[in-house]
Amino acid sequence: MSTSIAHALRRVVRDDSGNAIVEFVYLAILLMIPLVYLLLTVFRIQGAAYAVSGAAREAGRVYVASDPAEGAPVRAVAAASLVMSDGGFKLDPDQLEFICSADPCRTPGATIAVDIDYAVGLPFLPRLLGDDAPAAIRVRGRHLEVVDRFRDSR
């Protein structure tokens, strides 16, 4: 009997049933956390790229269509900020630049370039790393808008 009890105890101690599940869960967690972080980062950057592109386009359209006496640059910045906030981003007016091809800016047939340079913060990245790791990725958008030939150049 003692040999059969010792044999049964050895079989129970060597039994690997259930270990595969533990190993699978451990490896899945190790692989899924970086994958989910990568996906979140890519989605955030892509969303910012769409928002910056749309904001530059709308700012250019508003700038050309607004009456300069009513503050075309102010309206254009407001339009760009609205588009960026729809995407969940906050636009600082310093990140928006208007470049005119003629003087005055709204000369018929002239082009107005709207440039937006936006820094997208990486999700969950600790700011404790300082300058060793980039905490943001720069996204740039540019839109060229042509002033209507038949528009008053005021």
N, C-alpha and C. Protein backbone atom coordinates (compact mmCIF):
# COMPACT_ATOMS: atom_id res chain seq x y z
N MET A 1 0.80 -1.19 0.00
CA MET A 1 0.00 0.00 0.00
C MET A 1 0.84 1.26 0.00
N SER A 2 1.95 1.19 0.71
CA SER A 2 2.75 2.40 0.79
C SER A 2 3.33 2.79 -0.56
N THR A 3 3.64 1.82 -1.41
CA THR A 3 4.14 2.15 -2.75
C THR A 3 3.03 2.73 -3.61
N SER A 4 1.82 2.25 -3.45
CA SER A 4 0.72 2.81 -4.26
C SER A 4 0.38 4.24 -3.81
N ILE A 5 0.50 4.52 -2.49
CA ILE A 5 0.25 5.88 -2.01
C ILE A 5 1.36 6.81 -2.50
N ALA A 6 2.59 6.35 -2.44
CA ALA A 6 3.71 7.17 -2.93
C ALA A 6 3.58 7.40 -4.44
N HIS A 7 3.15 6.39 -5.18
CA HIS A 7 2.96 6.52 -6.63
C HIS A 7 1.84 7.52 -6.93
N ALA A 8 0.76 7.47 -6.18
CA ALA A 8 -0.37 8.39 -6.36
C ALA A 8 0.05 9.82 -6.02
N LEU A 9 0.83 10.00 -4.97
CA LEU A 9 1.29 11.34 -4.60
C LEU A 9 2.22 11.92 -5.67
N ARG A 10 3.11 11.07 -6.22
CA ARG A 10 3.98 11.55 -7.29
C ARG A 10 3.18 11.95 -8.52
N ARG A 11 2.15 11.20 -8.83
CA ARG A 11 1.32 11.51 -10.00
C ARG A 11 0.58 12.84 -9.79
N VAL A 12 0.09 13.12 -8.56
CA VAL A 12 -0.60 14.37 -8.27
C VAL A 12 0.37 15.54 -8.33
N VAL A 13 1.58 15.36 -7.81
CA VAL A 13 2.56 16.43 -7.81
C VAL A 13 3.01 16.75 -9.24
N ARG A 14 3.14 15.75 -10.11
CA ARG A 14 3.58 15.96 -11.48
C ARG A 14 2.45 16.37 -12.42
N ASP A 15 1.24 16.35 -12.00
CA ASP A 15 0.10 16.64 -12.87
C ASP A 15 0.16 18.10 -13.31
N ASP A 16 0.18 18.34 -14.63
CA ASP A 16 0.28 19.68 -15.20
C ASP A 16 -1.07 20.22 -15.65
N SER A 17 -2.12 19.55 -15.35
CA SER A 17 -3.42 20.05 -15.83
C SER A 17 -3.74 21.38 -15.16
N GLY A 18 -4.15 22.36 -15.96
CA GLY A 18 -4.45 23.70 -15.45
C GLY A 18 -3.31 24.68 -15.64
N ASN A 19 -2.11 24.20 -15.82
CA ASN A 19 -0.96 25.09 -16.01
C ASN A 19 -1.00 25.79 -17.36
N ALA A 20 -1.56 25.15 -18.37
CA ALA A 20 -1.62 25.75 -19.70
C ALA A 20 -2.49 27.01 -19.67
N ILE A 21 -3.55 26.99 -18.92
CA ILE A 21 -4.44 28.16 -18.84
C ILE A 21 -3.71 29.31 -18.16
N VAL A 22 -2.99 29.01 -17.09
CA VAL A 22 -2.25 30.05 -16.39
C VAL A 22 -1.17 30.64 -17.30
N GLU A 23 -0.46 29.80 -18.02
CA GLU A 23 0.57 30.29 -18.93
C GLU A 23 -0.04 31.11 -20.06
N PHE A 24 -1.17 30.68 -20.60
CA PHE A 24 -1.83 31.41 -21.67
C PHE A 24 -2.27 32.79 -21.20
N VAL A 25 -2.88 32.86 -20.04
CA VAL A 25 -3.33 34.15 -19.50
C VAL A 25 -2.13 35.07 -19.26
N TYR A 26 -1.06 34.54 -18.72
CA TYR A 26 0.14 35.33 -18.46
C TYR A 26 0.72 35.88 -19.76
N LEU A 27 0.86 35.05 -20.78
CA LEU A 27 1.40 35.51 -22.06
C LEU A 27 0.43 36.46 -22.77
N ALA A 28 -0.86 36.20 -22.66
CA ALA A 28 -1.84 37.08 -23.30
C ALA A 28 -1.77 38.49 -22.70
N ILE A 29 -1.63 38.56 -21.40
CA ILE A 29 -1.53 39.87 -20.75
C ILE A 29 -0.24 40.56 -21.18
N LEU A 30 0.86 39.83 -21.22
CA LEU A 30 2.13 40.42 -21.62
C LEU A 30 2.10 40.93 -23.06
N LEU A 31 1.38 40.25 -23.92
CA LEU A 31 1.32 40.67 -25.33
C LEU A 31 0.21 41.68 -25.60
N MET A 32 -0.88 41.60 -24.87
CA MET A 32 -2.02 42.46 -25.16
C MET A 32 -1.84 43.89 -24.65
N ILE A 33 -1.17 44.09 -23.55
CA ILE A 33 -1.00 45.44 -23.01
C ILE A 33 -0.22 46.33 -24.00
N PRO A 34 0.92 45.89 -24.53
CA PRO A 34 1.59 46.74 -25.53
C PRO A 34 0.78 46.92 -26.80
N LEU A 35 0.06 45.88 -27.22
CA LEU A 35 -0.75 45.98 -28.43
C LEU A 35 -1.89 46.98 -28.25
N VAL A 36 -2.55 46.94 -27.13
CA VAL A 36 -3.64 47.90 -26.86
C VAL A 36 -3.08 49.31 -26.76
N TYR A 37 -1.92 49.48 -26.14
CA TYR A 37 -1.31 50.81 -26.06
C TYR A 37 -0.95 51.33 -27.45
N LEU A 38 -0.39 50.47 -28.27
CA LEU A 38 -0.05 50.85 -29.64
C LEU A 38 -1.29 51.27 -30.42
N LEU A 39 -2.36 50.52 -30.29
CA LEU A 39 -3.60 50.88 -30.98
C LEU A 39 -4.17 52.20 -30.48
N LEU A 40 -4.18 52.41 -29.18
CA LEU A 40 -4.66 53.68 -28.64
C LEU A 40 -3.83 54.86 -29.16
N THR A 41 -2.53 54.68 -29.22
CA THR A 41 -1.65 55.74 -29.71
C THR A 41 -1.90 56.03 -31.18
N VAL A 42 -2.00 55.00 -31.99
CA VAL A 42 -2.24 55.18 -33.42
C VAL A 42 -3.59 55.84 -33.65
N PHE A 43 -4.62 55.41 -32.94
CA PHE A 43 -5.95 56.01 -33.12
C PHE A 43 -5.95 57.48 -32.70
N ARG A 44 -5.25 57.80 -31.65
CA ARG A 44 -5.19 59.20 -31.19
C ARG A 44 -4.45 60.08 -32.20
N ILE A 45 -3.36 59.59 -32.75
CA ILE A 45 -2.61 60.36 -33.74
C ILE A 45 -3.42 60.51 -35.02
N GLN A 46 -4.08 59.45 -35.44
CA GLN A 46 -4.90 59.53 -36.65
C GLN A 46 -6.07 60.49 -36.46
N GLY A 47 -6.69 60.46 -35.30
CA GLY A 47 -7.77 61.40 -35.01
C GLY A 47 -7.29 62.84 -35.02
N ALA A 48 -6.09 63.06 -34.49
CA ALA A 48 -5.53 64.41 -34.51
C ALA A 48 -5.20 64.84 -35.92
N ALA A 49 -4.73 63.93 -36.75
CA ALA A 49 -4.42 64.27 -38.15
C ALA A 49 -5.69 64.68 -38.89
N TYR A 50 -6.78 63.95 -38.68
CA TYR A 50 -8.05 64.32 -39.30
C TYR A 50 -8.55 65.66 -38.78
N ALA A 51 -8.43 65.88 -37.48
CA ALA A 51 -8.91 67.12 -36.88
C ALA A 51 -8.09 68.31 -37.38
N VAL A 52 -6.79 68.16 -37.47
CA VAL A 52 -5.93 69.26 -37.94
C VAL A 52 -6.22 69.57 -39.40
N SER A 53 -6.40 68.54 -40.20
CA SER A 53 -6.71 68.74 -41.62
C SER A 53 -8.03 69.48 -41.79
N GLY A 54 -9.04 69.04 -41.08
CA GLY A 54 -10.36 69.69 -41.15
C GLY A 54 -10.33 71.11 -40.61
N ALA A 55 -9.58 71.32 -39.54
CA ALA A 55 -9.51 72.66 -38.95
C ALA A 55 -8.81 73.64 -39.89
N ALA A 56 -7.75 73.20 -40.56
CA ALA A 56 -7.06 74.08 -41.51
C ALA A 56 -7.98 74.42 -42.68
N ARG A 57 -8.72 73.45 -43.16
CA ARG A 57 -9.64 73.69 -44.27
C ARG A 57 -10.73 74.69 -43.89
N GLU A 58 -11.34 74.48 -42.74
CA GLU A 58 -12.42 75.38 -42.32
C GLU A 58 -11.90 76.78 -41.99
N ALA A 59 -10.71 76.86 -41.41
CA ALA A 59 -10.15 78.17 -41.11
C ALA A 59 -9.90 78.94 -42.40
N GLY A 60 -9.40 78.27 -43.42
CA GLY A 60 -9.17 78.93 -44.70
C GLY A 60 -10.46 79.40 -45.35
N ARG A 61 -11.47 78.57 -45.30
CA ARG A 61 -12.77 78.94 -45.89
C ARG A 61 -13.39 80.13 -45.16
N VAL A 62 -13.33 80.11 -43.85
CA VAL A 62 -13.91 81.21 -43.08
C VAL A 62 -13.11 82.49 -43.30
N TYR A 63 -11.80 82.38 -43.37
CA TYR A 63 -10.96 83.56 -43.57
C TYR A 63 -11.30 84.24 -44.89
N VAL A 64 -11.47 83.46 -45.95
CA VAL A 64 -11.77 84.02 -47.26
C VAL A 64 -13.19 84.58 -47.32
N ALA A 65 -14.13 83.92 -46.66
CA ALA A 65 -15.54 84.32 -46.76
C ALA A 65 -15.91 85.44 -45.81
N SER A 66 -15.14 85.68 -44.78
CA SER A 66 -15.49 86.70 -43.78
C SER A 66 -15.15 88.09 -44.29
N ASP A 67 -15.90 89.05 -43.77
CA ASP A 67 -15.61 90.45 -44.04
C ASP A 67 -14.43 90.85 -43.16
N PRO A 68 -13.39 91.46 -43.73
CA PRO A 68 -12.22 91.80 -42.91
C PRO A 68 -12.53 92.77 -41.78
N ALA A 69 -13.55 93.61 -41.97
CA ALA A 69 -13.90 94.54 -40.90
C ALA A 69 -14.45 93.80 -39.69
N GLU A 70 -14.99 92.61 -39.91
CA GLU A 70 -15.55 91.82 -38.82
C GLU A 70 -14.51 90.91 -38.16
N GLY A 71 -13.28 91.00 -38.59
CA GLY A 71 -12.22 90.20 -37.96
C GLY A 71 -12.11 88.81 -38.54
N ALA A 72 -11.68 88.71 -39.80
CA ALA A 72 -11.55 87.41 -40.46
C ALA A 72 -10.61 86.46 -39.72
N PRO A 73 -9.44 86.92 -39.24
CA PRO A 73 -8.57 85.98 -38.52
C PRO A 73 -9.19 85.45 -37.23
N VAL A 74 -9.92 86.30 -36.53
CA VAL A 74 -10.54 85.86 -35.28
C VAL A 74 -11.61 84.81 -35.57
N ARG A 75 -12.40 85.03 -36.62
CA ARG A 75 -13.42 84.05 -36.99
C ARG A 75 -12.79 82.74 -37.47
N ALA A 76 -11.70 82.85 -38.20
CA ALA A 76 -11.03 81.64 -38.70
C ALA A 76 -10.47 80.82 -37.54
N VAL A 77 -9.90 81.48 -36.56
CA VAL A 77 -9.38 80.77 -35.39
C VAL A 77 -10.53 80.11 -34.62
N ALA A 78 -11.65 80.79 -34.51
CA ALA A 78 -12.81 80.21 -33.83
C ALA A 78 -13.32 78.98 -34.57
N ALA A 79 -13.35 79.05 -35.91
CA ALA A 79 -13.81 77.90 -36.69
C ALA A 79 -12.85 76.72 -36.52
N ALA A 80 -11.55 76.99 -36.57
CA ALA A 80 -10.57 75.91 -36.39
C ALA A 80 -10.66 75.31 -34.99
N SER A 81 -10.85 76.14 -34.00
CA SER A 81 -10.98 75.64 -32.62
C SER A 81 -12.21 74.77 -32.47
N LEU A 82 -13.29 75.14 -33.14
CA LEU A 82 -14.53 74.35 -33.09
C LEU A 82 -14.33 72.97 -33.71
N VAL A 83 -13.66 72.94 -34.86
CA VAL A 83 -13.40 71.65 -35.52
C VAL A 83 -12.49 70.78 -34.66
N MET A 84 -11.47 71.37 -34.07
CA MET A 84 -10.56 70.61 -33.22
C MET A 84 -11.27 70.09 -31.97
N SER A 85 -12.16 70.89 -31.41
CA SER A 85 -12.87 70.43 -30.21
C SER A 85 -13.85 69.31 -30.55
N ASP A 86 -14.36 69.28 -31.77
CA ASP A 86 -15.20 68.16 -32.18
C ASP A 86 -14.42 66.85 -32.17
N GLY A 87 -13.12 66.92 -32.44
CA GLY A 87 -12.27 65.74 -32.42
C GLY A 87 -11.71 65.44 -31.04
N GLY A 88 -12.01 66.29 -30.06
CA GLY A 88 -11.52 66.06 -28.71
C GLY A 88 -10.16 66.68 -28.43
N PHE A 89 -9.78 67.68 -29.23
CA PHE A 89 -8.49 68.32 -29.08
C PHE A 89 -8.69 69.81 -28.82
N LYS A 90 -7.72 70.41 -28.15
CA LYS A 90 -7.80 71.84 -27.85
C LYS A 90 -6.75 72.56 -28.68
N LEU A 91 -7.20 73.56 -29.43
CA LEU A 91 -6.31 74.32 -30.31
C LEU A 91 -5.95 75.65 -29.66
N ASP A 92 -4.66 75.91 -29.59
CA ASP A 92 -4.16 77.20 -29.11
C ASP A 92 -4.03 78.11 -30.33
N PRO A 93 -4.50 79.36 -30.27
CA PRO A 93 -4.40 80.25 -31.44
C PRO A 93 -2.96 80.43 -31.95
N ASP A 94 -1.96 80.20 -31.11
CA ASP A 94 -0.58 80.32 -31.55
C ASP A 94 -0.18 79.19 -32.51
N GLN A 95 -0.95 78.11 -32.52
CA GLN A 95 -0.63 76.98 -33.38
C GLN A 95 -1.16 77.17 -34.80
N LEU A 96 -1.87 78.26 -35.04
CA LEU A 96 -2.49 78.54 -36.34
C LEU A 96 -1.77 79.71 -36.99
N GLU A 97 -1.43 79.56 -38.27
CA GLU A 97 -0.71 80.61 -38.98
C GLU A 97 -1.34 80.83 -40.35
N PHE A 98 -1.50 82.09 -40.70
CA PHE A 98 -2.04 82.48 -42.01
C PHE A 98 -0.92 83.09 -42.83
N ILE A 99 -0.73 82.59 -44.05
CA ILE A 99 0.30 83.11 -44.95
C ILE A 99 -0.39 83.56 -46.23
N CYS A 100 -0.28 84.83 -46.54
CA CYS A 100 -0.95 85.40 -47.71
C CYS A 100 0.04 85.56 -48.85
N SER A 101 -0.44 85.34 -50.07
CA SER A 101 0.43 85.49 -51.24
C SER A 101 0.42 86.91 -51.78
N ALA A 102 -0.48 87.76 -51.32
CA ALA A 102 -0.57 89.13 -51.81
C ALA A 102 -0.82 90.07 -50.65
N ASP A 103 -0.62 91.36 -50.92
CA ASP A 103 -0.91 92.38 -49.92
C ASP A 103 -1.83 93.41 -50.55
N PRO A 104 -3.01 93.63 -50.11
CA PRO A 104 -3.67 93.06 -48.93
C PRO A 104 -3.97 91.57 -49.11
N CYS A 105 -4.18 90.94 -48.02
CA CYS A 105 -4.29 89.48 -47.99
C CYS A 105 -5.44 88.95 -48.85
N ARG A 106 -6.53 89.66 -48.88
CA ARG A 106 -7.71 89.16 -49.60
C ARG A 106 -7.84 89.77 -50.99
N THR A 107 -6.72 89.97 -51.67
CA THR A 107 -6.73 90.44 -53.04
C THR A 107 -7.36 89.36 -53.92
N PRO A 108 -8.27 89.74 -54.83
CA PRO A 108 -8.90 88.73 -55.70
C PRO A 108 -7.85 87.91 -56.46
N GLY A 109 -8.00 86.58 -56.40
CA GLY A 109 -7.09 85.65 -57.06
C GLY A 109 -5.90 85.24 -56.20
N ALA A 110 -5.70 85.87 -55.07
CA ALA A 110 -4.58 85.52 -54.19
C ALA A 110 -4.88 84.23 -53.44
N THR A 111 -3.85 83.62 -52.93
CA THR A 111 -4.03 82.41 -52.12
C THR A 111 -3.68 82.71 -50.67
N ILE A 112 -4.39 82.04 -49.80
CA ILE A 112 -4.14 82.14 -48.36
C ILE A 112 -3.86 80.72 -47.86
N ALA A 113 -2.68 80.55 -47.28
CA ALA A 113 -2.30 79.25 -46.72
C ALA A 113 -2.55 79.27 -45.23
N VAL A 114 -3.19 78.23 -44.76
CA VAL A 114 -3.44 78.08 -43.33
C VAL A 114 -2.62 76.89 -42.85
N ASP A 115 -1.72 77.13 -41.92
CA ASP A 115 -0.87 76.08 -41.35
C ASP A 115 -1.22 75.87 -39.89
N ILE A 116 -1.37 74.60 -39.53
CA ILE A 116 -1.60 74.24 -38.13
C ILE A 116 -0.53 73.24 -37.73
N ASP A 117 0.16 73.54 -36.66
CA ASP A 117 1.18 72.66 -36.09
C ASP A 117 0.70 72.26 -34.70
N TYR A 118 0.35 70.98 -34.53
CA TYR A 118 -0.27 70.53 -33.29
C TYR A 118 0.53 69.38 -32.70
N ALA A 119 0.76 69.41 -31.41
CA ALA A 119 1.47 68.35 -30.70
C ALA A 119 0.46 67.43 -30.02
N VAL A 120 0.44 66.18 -30.44
CA VAL A 120 -0.49 65.20 -29.88
C VAL A 120 0.20 64.48 -28.72
N GLY A 121 -0.37 64.61 -27.54
CA GLY A 121 0.19 63.93 -26.37
C GLY A 121 -0.06 62.44 -26.44
N LEU A 122 0.96 61.66 -26.11
CA LEU A 122 0.81 60.21 -26.11
C LEU A 122 0.02 59.77 -24.88
N PRO A 123 -0.89 58.82 -25.05
CA PRO A 123 -1.73 58.42 -23.92
C PRO A 123 -0.95 57.67 -22.85
N PHE A 124 -1.22 58.01 -21.61
CA PHE A 124 -0.69 57.33 -20.42
C PHE A 124 0.82 57.39 -20.28
N LEU A 125 1.50 58.20 -21.07
CA LEU A 125 2.95 58.28 -20.96
C LEU A 125 3.30 59.13 -19.76
N PRO A 126 4.05 58.59 -18.83
CA PRO A 126 4.39 59.39 -17.65
C PRO A 126 5.32 60.54 -18.02
N ARG A 127 5.02 61.69 -17.51
CA ARG A 127 5.84 62.86 -17.79
C ARG A 127 7.12 62.85 -16.95
N LEU A 128 7.29 61.80 -16.14
CA LEU A 128 8.49 61.69 -15.31
C LEU A 128 9.72 61.39 -16.13
N LEU A 129 9.53 60.93 -17.37
CA LEU A 129 10.67 60.58 -18.20
C LEU A 129 11.43 61.81 -18.67
N GLY A 130 10.80 62.96 -18.57
CA GLY A 130 11.47 64.20 -18.95
C GLY A 130 11.75 64.28 -20.44
N ASP A 131 12.96 64.67 -20.81
CA ASP A 131 13.33 64.84 -22.20
C ASP A 131 13.86 63.55 -22.83
N ASP A 132 13.95 62.49 -22.05
CA ASP A 132 14.49 61.25 -22.58
C ASP A 132 13.55 60.59 -23.59
N ALA A 133 12.26 60.76 -23.41
CA ALA A 133 11.29 60.16 -24.31
C ALA A 133 10.33 61.25 -24.79
N PRO A 134 10.00 61.23 -26.07
CA PRO A 134 9.06 62.25 -26.55
C PRO A 134 7.67 61.99 -25.98
N ALA A 135 7.08 63.01 -25.39
CA ALA A 135 5.75 62.87 -24.80
C ALA A 135 4.67 63.28 -25.78
N ALA A 136 5.06 63.71 -26.98
CA ALA A 136 4.09 64.15 -27.98
C ALA A 136 4.65 63.90 -29.38
N ILE A 137 3.73 63.77 -30.30
CA ILE A 137 4.08 63.63 -31.71
C ILE A 137 3.45 64.80 -32.44
N ARG A 138 4.22 65.44 -33.31
CA ARG A 138 3.75 66.62 -34.02
C ARG A 138 2.96 66.20 -35.26
N VAL A 139 1.80 66.86 -35.41
CA VAL A 139 0.94 66.66 -36.57
C VAL A 139 0.77 68.02 -37.23
N ARG A 140 0.96 68.07 -38.54
CA ARG A 140 0.84 69.35 -39.25
C ARG A 140 -0.24 69.24 -40.32
N GLY A 141 -0.96 70.35 -40.48
CA GLY A 141 -1.98 70.42 -41.52
C GLY A 141 -1.83 71.72 -42.28
N ARG A 142 -2.08 71.67 -43.58
CA ARG A 142 -1.98 72.87 -44.41
C ARG A 142 -3.12 72.85 -45.43
N HIS A 143 -3.70 74.04 -45.61
CA HIS A 143 -4.76 74.19 -46.60
C HIS A 143 -4.55 75.49 -47.35
N LEU A 144 -4.66 75.43 -48.65
CA LEU A 144 -4.58 76.62 -49.49
C LEU A 144 -5.97 76.98 -49.96
N GLU A 145 -6.34 78.21 -49.73
CA GLU A 145 -7.65 78.71 -50.15
C GLU A 145 -7.43 79.88 -51.11
N VAL A 146 -8.14 79.88 -52.22
CA VAL A 146 -8.02 80.94 -53.23
C VAL A 146 -9.14 81.95 -53.00
N VAL A 147 -8.77 83.22 -52.99
CA VAL A 147 -9.75 84.29 -52.86
C VAL A 147 -10.47 84.41 -54.21
N ASP A 148 -11.78 84.51 -54.15
CA ASP A 148 -12.60 84.59 -55.35
C ASP A 148 -12.16 85.79 -56.20
N ARG A 149 -12.07 85.58 -57.52
CA ARG A 149 -11.65 86.66 -58.41
C ARG A 149 -12.59 87.85 -58.41
N PHE A 150 -13.85 87.60 -58.16
CA PHE A 150 -14.86 88.65 -58.24
C PHE A 150 -15.21 89.23 -56.86
N ARG A 151 -14.42 88.93 -55.88
CA ARG A 151 -14.67 89.41 -54.51
C ARG A 151 -14.03 90.78 -54.32
N ASP A 152 -14.68 91.59 -53.53
CA ASP A 152 -14.13 92.90 -53.18
C ASP A 152 -12.89 92.69 -52.30
N SER A 153 -11.83 93.40 -52.55
CA SER A 153 -10.56 93.16 -51.84
C SER A 153 -10.45 93.92 -50.52
N ARG A 154 -11.52 94.50 -50.03
CA ARG A 154 -11.47 95.27 -48.79
C ARG A 154 -10.76 94.54 -47.70
